[in-house]
């Protein structure tokens, strides 16, 4: 929010309320009381008759009978204020814009329009945004279902803190009541949100939405990708320029860190044949295997052997589904169940020594790399287990993990 917009909001609030304490204004404007008092001085110097009084019943007020004068704002300040209001979604922003345009005797400069809806979504996205905005402003507990990157959709209850636009999407930062911690939810994955009517008084202070390169919740992969020239528009839309290296043949090399989950494979497949995974080899093989699965699903010849993918996927007629029993003599990570055989990357304790129980993906410097429930861990690991064992479905992998995971140290009750 710009200084001009904030100061106008202050005047508008005082016109509406009559008198407010500096603390009340600070909370409504989301600034410190010192900033409120500085704004009072600035408005007074600009000719707005705003004053403060001390003691019981004191606060910030306007002289009785004051009417907002357009002369209080310079031409540039008027443009800034109208532009800020034009970018606000919903009827409130439109009403304020109409009133101020009339006050300033300016036509509405229609060079900017903010539309919150995705293509084909109609009014649904805007309605969702307005509901979440209301939940934040009225401090109402939210109930909704959330489609997570683990591949599961679960009910959530949360205390909404703020809406944030980051990168190419809107996010809700909220305190998750089930996990007792702050979480960031992408608005497009929030399903059927509802206001519960429960008003909360808890002070919310969510962390910055930046992850500083520490991709949650568990696995990360440093990938090197080559994109075809015709995908340049998406590459520059979706990656920072510092990650992109144009090549003499027109292709683009990208080096970036991703969360290694089902979202990553779907994301890479969305580029079709226009992307090639150069590293790491494990990601390259898994993407190739998924590509073959998609091919045979659409080719209509599910039992036709394939020399090119046989080493990665095995025959599609595999009769015996592997079970956890065959691994009974092996050592496993006590968090994700990954075998800890020779050459496995072990996690580290706080003193830097190797952890005897956990892999490096799950455990670093004496702490788990991400907070999650056992069910979320199973949802995350099941696709990879099924992929590593041709003939095993994800449901079969989950069923085995539900039997095996409760005996692991992290999930033992």
Protein backbone atom coordinates (compact mmCIF):
# COMPACT_ATOMS: atom_id res chain seq x y z
CA UNK A 1 0.00 0.00 0.00
CA UNK A 2 1.43 3.40 -0.97
CA UNK A 3 1.73 6.27 1.53
CA UNK A 4 -0.95 8.26 -0.33
CA UNK A 5 -3.40 5.33 -0.32
CA UNK A 6 -2.78 4.70 3.40
CA UNK A 7 -3.31 8.36 4.27
CA UNK A 8 -6.52 8.46 2.29
CA UNK A 9 -7.71 5.35 4.11
CA UNK A 10 -6.98 7.09 7.41
CA UNK A 11 -9.08 10.12 6.42
CA UNK A 12 -11.86 7.85 5.17
CA UNK A 13 -11.87 5.90 8.46
CA UNK A 14 -11.98 9.09 10.53
CA UNK A 15 -14.84 10.44 8.41
CA UNK A 16 -16.70 7.18 9.02
CA UNK A 17 -15.85 6.57 12.70
CA UNK A 18 -15.47 10.13 13.97
CA UNK A 19 -12.61 9.35 16.34
CA UNK A 20 -10.15 6.44 16.60
CA UNK A 21 -7.15 5.74 18.80
CA UNK A 22 -3.71 5.54 17.23
CA UNK A 23 -3.65 1.84 18.13
CA UNK A 24 -6.95 1.20 16.32
CA UNK A 25 -5.71 2.99 13.22
CA UNK A 26 -2.41 1.10 13.34
CA UNK A 27 -4.24 -2.25 13.38
CA UNK A 28 -6.62 -1.30 10.56
CA UNK A 29 -3.81 0.07 8.38
CA UNK A 30 -1.33 -2.67 9.39
CA UNK A 31 1.40 -0.21 10.37
CA UNK A 32 3.01 0.94 13.62
CA UNK A 33 1.53 3.68 15.84
CA UNK A 34 4.59 5.79 15.07
CA UNK A 35 3.72 5.61 11.35
CA UNK A 36 0.14 6.66 12.16
CA UNK A 37 1.38 9.74 14.02
CA UNK A 38 3.74 10.62 11.14
CA UNK A 39 0.79 10.36 8.72
CA UNK A 40 -1.26 12.65 10.99
CA UNK A 41 1.51 15.28 10.82
CA UNK A 42 1.76 14.90 7.02
CA UNK A 43 -2.01 15.27 6.54
CA UNK A 44 -2.13 18.28 8.83
CA UNK A 45 0.69 19.93 6.87
CA UNK A 46 -1.27 19.24 3.64
CA UNK A 47 -4.27 21.17 5.00
CA UNK A 48 -6.41 18.29 6.31
CA UNK A 49 -7.76 19.37 9.75
CA UNK A 50 -6.75 16.23 11.62
CA UNK A 51 -5.64 16.43 15.24
CA UNK A 52 -4.80 14.25 18.25
CA UNK A 53 -5.93 14.46 21.87
CA UNK A 54 -4.46 12.78 24.94
CA UNK A 55 -6.04 10.98 27.89
CA UNK A 56 -9.27 9.04 28.33
CA UNK A 57 -11.51 9.40 25.29
CA UNK A 58 -8.63 10.82 23.27
CA UNK A 59 -7.33 9.72 19.92
CA UNK A 60 -7.17 10.95 16.34
CA UNK A 61 -10.07 12.93 14.84
CA UNK A 62 -11.08 15.42 12.15
CA UNK A 63 -12.58 18.84 12.86
CA UNK A 64 -16.41 18.62 12.84
CA UNK A 65 -17.98 19.32 9.46
CA UNK A 66 -14.86 18.52 7.45
CA UNK A 67 -15.46 17.40 3.86
CA UNK A 68 -12.64 15.82 1.85
CA UNK A 69 -11.21 18.41 -0.52
CA UNK A 70 -9.63 17.31 -3.75
CA UNK A 71 -7.08 20.12 -3.32
CA UNK A 72 -5.47 18.07 -0.53
CA UNK A 73 -3.94 15.82 -3.21
CA UNK A 74 -1.59 16.79 -6.01
CA UNK A 75 -2.33 15.62 -9.57
CA UNK A 76 0.25 12.84 -9.25
CA UNK A 77 -1.14 11.74 -5.86
CA UNK A 78 -4.66 11.65 -7.32
CA UNK A 79 -3.43 9.41 -10.17
CA UNK A 80 -1.64 7.10 -7.72
CA UNK A 81 -4.70 6.80 -5.50
CA UNK A 82 -7.07 6.09 -8.40
CA UNK A 83 -4.63 3.52 -9.80
CA UNK A 84 -4.38 1.74 -6.44
CA UNK A 85 -8.17 1.57 -6.15
CA UNK A 86 -8.50 0.40 -9.76
CA UNK A 87 -6.35 -2.64 -8.96
CA UNK A 88 -8.57 -3.72 -6.05
CA UNK A 89 -11.03 -6.55 -6.86
CA UNK A 90 -14.68 -6.49 -5.87
CA UNK A 91 -17.45 -3.93 -5.51
CA UNK A 92 -15.81 -2.05 -2.62
CA UNK A 93 -12.90 -0.97 -4.81
CA UNK A 94 -15.26 -0.02 -7.66
CA UNK A 95 -17.47 2.11 -5.38
CA UNK A 96 -14.52 3.96 -3.86
CA UNK A 97 -13.05 4.48 -7.34
CA UNK A 98 -16.32 5.98 -8.62
CA UNK A 99 -16.60 8.36 -5.66
CA UNK A 100 -13.03 9.57 -5.86
CA UNK A 101 -13.13 9.93 -9.66
CA UNK A 102 -16.11 12.24 -9.23
CA UNK A 103 -14.40 14.13 -6.39
CA UNK A 104 -11.19 14.63 -8.38
CA UNK A 105 -13.21 15.32 -11.56
CA UNK A 106 -11.20 12.73 -13.44
CA UNK A 107 -12.29 10.07 -15.85
CA UNK A 108 -11.37 6.55 -14.84
CA UNK A 109 -8.11 5.78 -16.62
CA UNK A 110 -8.92 2.38 -18.09
CA UNK A 111 -5.38 1.24 -18.94
CA UNK A 112 -5.17 -1.40 -16.19
CA UNK A 113 -7.56 -4.20 -15.31
CA UNK A 114 -6.99 -6.93 -12.73
CA UNK A 115 -8.97 -10.12 -13.31
CA UNK A 116 -8.53 -12.82 -10.67
CA UNK A 117 -10.21 -15.57 -12.68
CA UNK A 118 -8.37 -18.29 -14.56
CA UNK A 119 -9.30 -18.91 -18.18
CA UNK A 120 -12.72 -20.57 -18.28
CA UNK A 121 -13.37 -20.12 -14.56
CA UNK A 122 -15.95 -17.36 -14.93
CA UNK A 123 -16.89 -15.75 -11.61
CA UNK A 124 -15.93 -18.72 -9.41
CA UNK A 125 -12.37 -17.58 -8.74
CA UNK A 126 -13.48 -14.04 -7.95
CA UNK A 127 -16.15 -15.34 -5.55
CA UNK A 128 -13.57 -17.52 -3.82
CA UNK A 129 -11.21 -14.56 -3.50
CA UNK A 130 -13.94 -12.40 -1.97
CA UNK A 131 -14.84 -15.12 0.54
CA UNK A 132 -11.20 -15.55 1.60
CA UNK A 133 -10.76 -11.78 1.80
CA UNK A 134 -13.78 -11.61 4.08
CA UNK A 135 -12.37 -14.40 6.25
CA UNK A 136 -9.09 -12.47 6.66
CA UNK A 137 -10.74 -9.12 7.44
CA UNK A 138 -13.39 -10.52 9.76
CA UNK A 139 -10.92 -12.97 11.36
CA UNK A 140 -13.18 -15.96 10.79
CA UNK A 141 -11.96 -19.56 10.89
CA UNK A 142 -11.97 -21.23 7.46
CA UNK A 143 -12.88 -24.81 6.58
CA UNK A 144 -11.92 -26.19 3.18
CA UNK A 145 -10.45 -29.15 1.31
CA UNK A 146 -6.94 -28.80 -0.08
CA UNK A 147 -5.37 -30.64 -2.99
CA UNK A 148 -1.75 -30.96 -1.89
CA UNK A 149 1.31 -31.71 -4.01
CA UNK A 150 1.44 -35.14 -2.32
CA UNK A 151 -1.52 -36.18 -4.48
CA UNK A 152 -4.05 -36.22 -1.64
CA UNK A 153 -7.07 -34.01 -0.95
CA UNK A 154 -7.77 -33.53 2.74
CA UNK A 155 -10.05 -31.34 4.89
CA UNK A 156 -8.34 -28.40 6.58
CA UNK A 157 -9.30 -25.88 9.26
CA UNK A 158 -7.21 -22.73 9.42
CA UNK A 159 -7.02 -19.19 10.77
CA UNK A 160 -6.54 -16.95 7.69
CA UNK A 161 -3.77 -14.35 8.04
CA UNK A 162 -3.31 -12.72 4.63
CA UNK A 163 -3.60 -13.10 0.86
CA UNK A 164 -0.37 -12.89 -1.12
CA UNK A 165 0.29 -12.66 -4.85
CA UNK A 166 3.59 -14.38 -5.64
CA UNK A 167 5.09 -15.37 -8.97
CA UNK A 168 2.12 -16.42 -11.09
CA UNK A 169 -0.52 -17.12 -8.47
CA UNK A 170 -2.42 -16.10 -5.34
CA UNK A 171 -1.73 -17.75 -1.98
CA UNK A 172 -3.40 -17.78 1.42
CA UNK A 173 -1.13 -17.73 4.44
CA UNK A 174 -2.89 -19.20 7.44
CA UNK A 175 -2.37 -20.99 10.75
CA UNK A 176 -3.29 -24.65 10.22
CA UNK A 177 -5.21 -25.77 13.30
CA UNK A 178 -4.53 -29.48 12.74
CA UNK A 179 -0.78 -29.09 12.26
CA UNK A 180 -0.48 -26.20 14.72
CA UNK A 181 1.79 -24.24 12.41
CA UNK A 182 1.67 -21.73 9.57
CA UNK A 183 1.01 -23.06 6.09
CA UNK A 184 0.82 -21.43 2.65
CA UNK A 185 -2.07 -22.58 0.44
CA UNK A 186 -2.33 -21.89 -3.28
CA UNK A 187 -5.81 -20.46 -3.94
CA UNK A 188 -6.43 -22.62 -7.01
CA UNK A 189 -6.04 -25.75 -4.83
CA UNK A 190 -8.42 -24.56 -2.11
CA UNK A 191 -11.68 -26.41 -2.70
CA UNK A 192 -15.14 -25.57 -1.30
CA UNK A 193 -14.01 -22.95 1.24
CA UNK A 194 -16.55 -22.08 3.93
CA UNK A 195 -16.71 -19.53 6.73
CA UNK A 196 -17.36 -21.37 9.99
CA UNK A 197 -18.70 -18.34 11.84
CA UNK A 198 -16.03 -18.84 14.52
CA UNK A 199 -14.26 -15.53 15.18
CA UNK A 200 -10.69 -15.80 16.50
CA UNK A 201 -8.64 -13.25 18.44
CA UNK A 202 -5.25 -14.87 18.11
CA UNK A 203 -2.56 -12.56 16.75
CA UNK A 204 -1.22 -13.98 13.48
CA UNK A 205 2.31 -13.34 12.26
CA UNK A 206 3.04 -15.71 9.34
CA UNK A 207 6.61 -15.99 8.04
CA UNK A 208 7.58 -14.48 4.73
CA UNK A 209 6.30 -16.53 1.81
CA UNK A 210 9.84 -16.89 0.45
CA UNK A 211 11.38 -20.31 1.05
CA UNK A 212 15.00 -19.10 0.56
CA UNK A 213 15.75 -22.12 -1.62
CA UNK A 214 14.71 -24.63 1.08
CA UNK A 215 11.96 -26.38 -0.83
CA UNK A 216 9.44 -27.99 1.51
CA UNK A 217 8.41 -30.40 2.66
CA UNK A 218 11.00 -33.13 2.07
CA UNK A 219 12.77 -33.95 -1.19
CA UNK A 220 14.48 -31.54 -3.55
CA UNK A 221 16.21 -32.15 -6.84
CA UNK A 222 18.71 -29.95 -8.67
CA UNK A 223 17.72 -30.37 -12.30
CA UNK A 224 19.40 -29.40 -15.54
CA UNK A 225 16.93 -29.08 -18.40
CA UNK A 226 17.13 -28.28 -22.12
CA UNK A 227 14.10 -26.59 -23.71
CA UNK A 228 13.31 -26.34 -27.41
CA UNK A 229 13.40 -22.83 -28.93
CA UNK A 230 9.61 -22.69 -29.42
CA UNK A 231 9.13 -22.90 -25.63
CA UNK A 232 11.10 -19.72 -24.92
CA UNK A 233 7.89 -17.89 -23.92
CA UNK A 234 7.19 -20.39 -21.13
CA UNK A 235 10.80 -20.59 -20.00
CA UNK A 236 11.02 -16.83 -19.46
CA UNK A 237 7.55 -16.78 -17.91
CA UNK A 238 8.34 -19.47 -15.36
CA UNK A 239 12.07 -19.24 -14.59
CA UNK A 240 14.25 -16.41 -13.36
CA UNK A 241 16.54 -15.09 -16.08
CA UNK A 242 19.62 -15.98 -14.03
CA UNK A 243 18.70 -19.69 -14.40
CA UNK A 244 18.42 -19.54 -18.20
CA UNK A 245 21.37 -19.93 -20.61
CA UNK A 246 20.51 -19.43 -24.33
CA UNK A 247 22.41 -21.78 -26.67
CA UNK A 248 23.72 -21.16 -30.22
CA UNK A 249 21.08 -23.50 -31.69
CA UNK A 250 18.27 -21.51 -30.04
CA UNK A 251 17.61 -24.01 -27.27
CA UNK A 252 17.62 -22.90 -23.62
CA UNK A 253 19.47 -24.56 -20.75
CA UNK A 254 17.86 -24.15 -17.34
CA UNK A 255 19.33 -25.13 -13.98
CA UNK A 256 16.86 -24.93 -11.10
CA UNK A 257 15.89 -26.59 -7.82
CA UNK A 258 12.49 -28.33 -7.65
CA UNK A 259 10.48 -30.28 -5.08
CA UNK A 260 10.77 -33.94 -6.17
CA UNK A 261 7.16 -35.07 -6.02
CA UNK A 262 4.34 -35.90 -8.41
CA UNK A 263 3.87 -32.22 -9.22
CA UNK A 264 7.36 -32.10 -10.76
CA UNK A 265 6.69 -34.97 -13.18
CA UNK A 266 3.37 -33.49 -14.26
CA UNK A 267 5.01 -30.09 -14.70
CA UNK A 268 7.81 -31.45 -16.88
CA UNK A 269 5.37 -33.52 -18.94
CA UNK A 270 3.37 -30.34 -19.61
CA UNK A 271 6.23 -29.27 -21.92
CA UNK A 272 5.71 -32.39 -24.04
CA UNK A 273 8.66 -33.31 -26.26
CA UNK A 274 10.01 -29.78 -25.93
CA UNK A 275 12.01 -30.50 -22.77
CA UNK A 276 14.89 -32.90 -22.15
CA UNK A 277 16.14 -33.73 -18.66
CA UNK A 278 19.94 -33.68 -18.77
CA UNK A 279 20.47 -34.34 -15.05
CA UNK A 280 20.04 -36.04 -12.68
CA UNK A 281 19.82 -39.47 -14.28
CA UNK A 282 17.17 -40.68 -11.83
CA UNK A 283 14.79 -37.89 -12.84
CA UNK A 284 15.52 -38.54 -16.52
CA UNK A 285 14.69 -42.26 -16.16
CA UNK A 286 11.49 -41.65 -14.18
CA UNK A 287 10.23 -39.12 -16.70
CA UNK A 288 11.02 -41.55 -19.54
CA UNK A 289 9.13 -44.31 -17.72
CA UNK A 290 6.10 -42.07 -17.27
CA UNK A 291 6.27 -41.16 -20.95
CA UNK A 292 6.17 -44.82 -21.93
CA UNK A 293 3.27 -45.47 -19.58
CA UNK A 294 1.35 -42.63 -21.21
CA UNK A 295 2.21 -44.00 -24.65
CA UNK A 296 1.01 -47.53 -23.93
CA UNK A 297 -2.13 -46.23 -22.18
CA UNK A 298 -3.10 -44.53 -25.43
CA UNK A 299 -1.68 -47.03 -27.92
CA UNK A 300 -4.23 -49.69 -26.98
CA UNK A 301 -1.61 -52.48 -26.84
CA UNK A 302 -0.92 -52.70 -23.12
CA UNK A 303 0.84 -56.08 -23.30
CA UNK A 304 3.18 -55.32 -26.18
CA UNK A 305 6.79 -55.63 -24.99
CA UNK A 306 9.00 -52.61 -25.41
CA UNK A 307 12.75 -52.97 -25.66
CA UNK A 308 13.31 -49.30 -25.02
CA UNK A 309 11.63 -49.18 -21.62
CA UNK A 310 11.89 -52.76 -20.46
CA UNK A 311 14.89 -52.08 -18.28
CA UNK A 312 13.09 -49.25 -16.52
CA UNK A 313 9.56 -50.59 -16.22
CA UNK A 314 9.65 -54.34 -16.71
CA UNK A 315 7.02 -56.27 -18.61
CA UNK A 316 3.47 -55.09 -18.23
CA UNK A 317 2.38 -58.67 -17.54
CA UNK A 318 4.35 -58.98 -14.28
CA UNK A 319 2.37 -61.47 -12.21
CA UNK A 320 4.03 -61.23 -8.84
CA UNK A 321 3.74 -57.94 -7.00
CA UNK A 322 6.74 -57.27 -4.75
CA UNK A 323 6.07 -57.09 -1.02
CA UNK A 324 7.92 -55.49 1.90
CA UNK A 325 8.65 -59.00 3.21
CA UNK A 326 11.37 -59.51 0.63
CA UNK A 327 13.29 -56.60 2.20
CA UNK A 328 13.12 -57.87 5.80
CA UNK A 329 16.91 -58.15 6.18
CA UNK A 330 17.63 -54.66 4.84
CA UNK A 331 18.10 -51.43 6.78
CA UNK A 332 15.62 -48.64 6.03
CA UNK A 333 15.35 -44.93 6.68
CA UNK A 334 13.17 -44.68 9.77
CA UNK A 335 11.18 -41.84 8.19
CA UNK A 336 10.53 -42.55 4.48
CA UNK A 337 11.41 -46.27 4.36
CA UNK A 338 14.12 -45.85 1.72
CA UNK A 339 16.71 -48.70 1.84
CA UNK A 340 19.98 -47.61 3.46
CA UNK A 341 22.31 -49.96 1.66
CA UNK A 342 25.99 -49.43 0.80
CA UNK A 343 26.56 -45.99 -0.70
CA UNK A 344 23.29 -44.57 0.62
CA UNK A 345 23.37 -40.90 1.58
CA UNK A 346 22.84 -40.76 5.33
CA UNK A 347 21.38 -37.81 7.20
CA UNK A 348 23.43 -35.85 9.72
CA UNK A 349 23.10 -35.21 13.43
CA UNK A 350 23.46 -31.77 14.99
CA UNK A 351 27.21 -32.33 15.45
CA UNK A 352 27.66 -33.25 11.76
CA UNK A 353 28.02 -37.00 12.33
CA UNK A 354 26.13 -39.49 10.14
CA UNK A 355 22.68 -40.48 11.37
CA UNK A 356 22.28 -44.23 11.87
CA UNK A 357 18.52 -44.08 11.28
CA UNK A 358 17.63 -41.54 8.60
CA UNK A 359 18.51 -40.68 5.00
CA UNK A 360 19.85 -37.29 3.93
CA UNK A 361 16.52 -36.35 2.33
CA UNK A 362 14.62 -36.69 5.60
CA UNK A 363 17.12 -35.62 8.23
CA UNK A 364 19.73 -32.85 8.29
CA UNK A 365 21.70 -31.35 11.19
CA UNK A 366 19.61 -33.16 13.77
CA UNK A 367 16.23 -32.05 12.38
CA UNK A 368 13.64 -33.46 10.00
CA UNK A 369 13.69 -31.65 6.66
CA UNK A 370 9.92 -31.16 6.59
CA UNK A 371 6.87 -31.43 8.82
CA UNK A 372 4.31 -33.96 7.64
CA UNK A 373 2.08 -36.72 8.92
CA UNK A 374 2.68 -40.40 8.26
CA UNK A 375 -0.21 -40.45 5.77
CA UNK A 376 1.31 -37.53 3.85
CA UNK A 377 4.65 -39.33 3.75
CA UNK A 378 2.93 -42.43 2.35
CA UNK A 379 1.07 -40.36 -0.26
CA UNK A 380 4.41 -38.83 -1.25
CA UNK A 381 6.40 -42.09 -1.43
CA UNK A 382 3.82 -44.46 -2.92
CA UNK A 383 4.15 -43.29 -6.57
CA UNK A 384 7.93 -43.73 -6.43
CA UNK A 385 7.66 -47.17 -4.83
CA UNK A 386 5.15 -48.30 -7.46
CA UNK A 387 7.40 -46.96 -10.20
CA UNK A 388 10.43 -48.77 -8.80
CA UNK A 389 8.49 -52.05 -8.68
CA UNK A 390 6.89 -52.80 -12.09
CA UNK A 391 3.52 -54.44 -11.69
CA UNK A 392 2.78 -52.73 -8.38
CA UNK A 393 -0.02 -50.17 -8.34
CA UNK A 394 0.03 -47.09 -6.15
CA UNK A 395 -2.84 -48.49 -4.08
CA UNK A 396 -0.83 -51.65 -3.46
CA UNK A 397 2.20 -49.57 -2.51
CA UNK A 398 0.11 -47.55 -0.06
CA UNK A 399 -1.40 -50.68 1.46
CA UNK A 400 2.07 -52.13 2.12
CA UNK A 401 3.38 -48.85 3.48
CA UNK A 402 0.46 -48.59 5.90
CA UNK A 403 1.58 -51.94 7.32
CA UNK A 404 5.31 -51.09 7.29
CA UNK A 405 5.52 -47.41 8.29
CA UNK A 406 4.03 -47.71 11.82
CA UNK A 407 7.09 -49.73 12.86
CA UNK A 408 9.52 -47.04 11.67
CA UNK A 409 11.09 -44.96 14.43
CA UNK A 410 9.61 -41.63 13.33
CA UNK A 411 6.04 -42.90 13.20
CA UNK A 412 6.13 -45.36 16.10
CA UNK A 413 3.42 -44.66 18.67
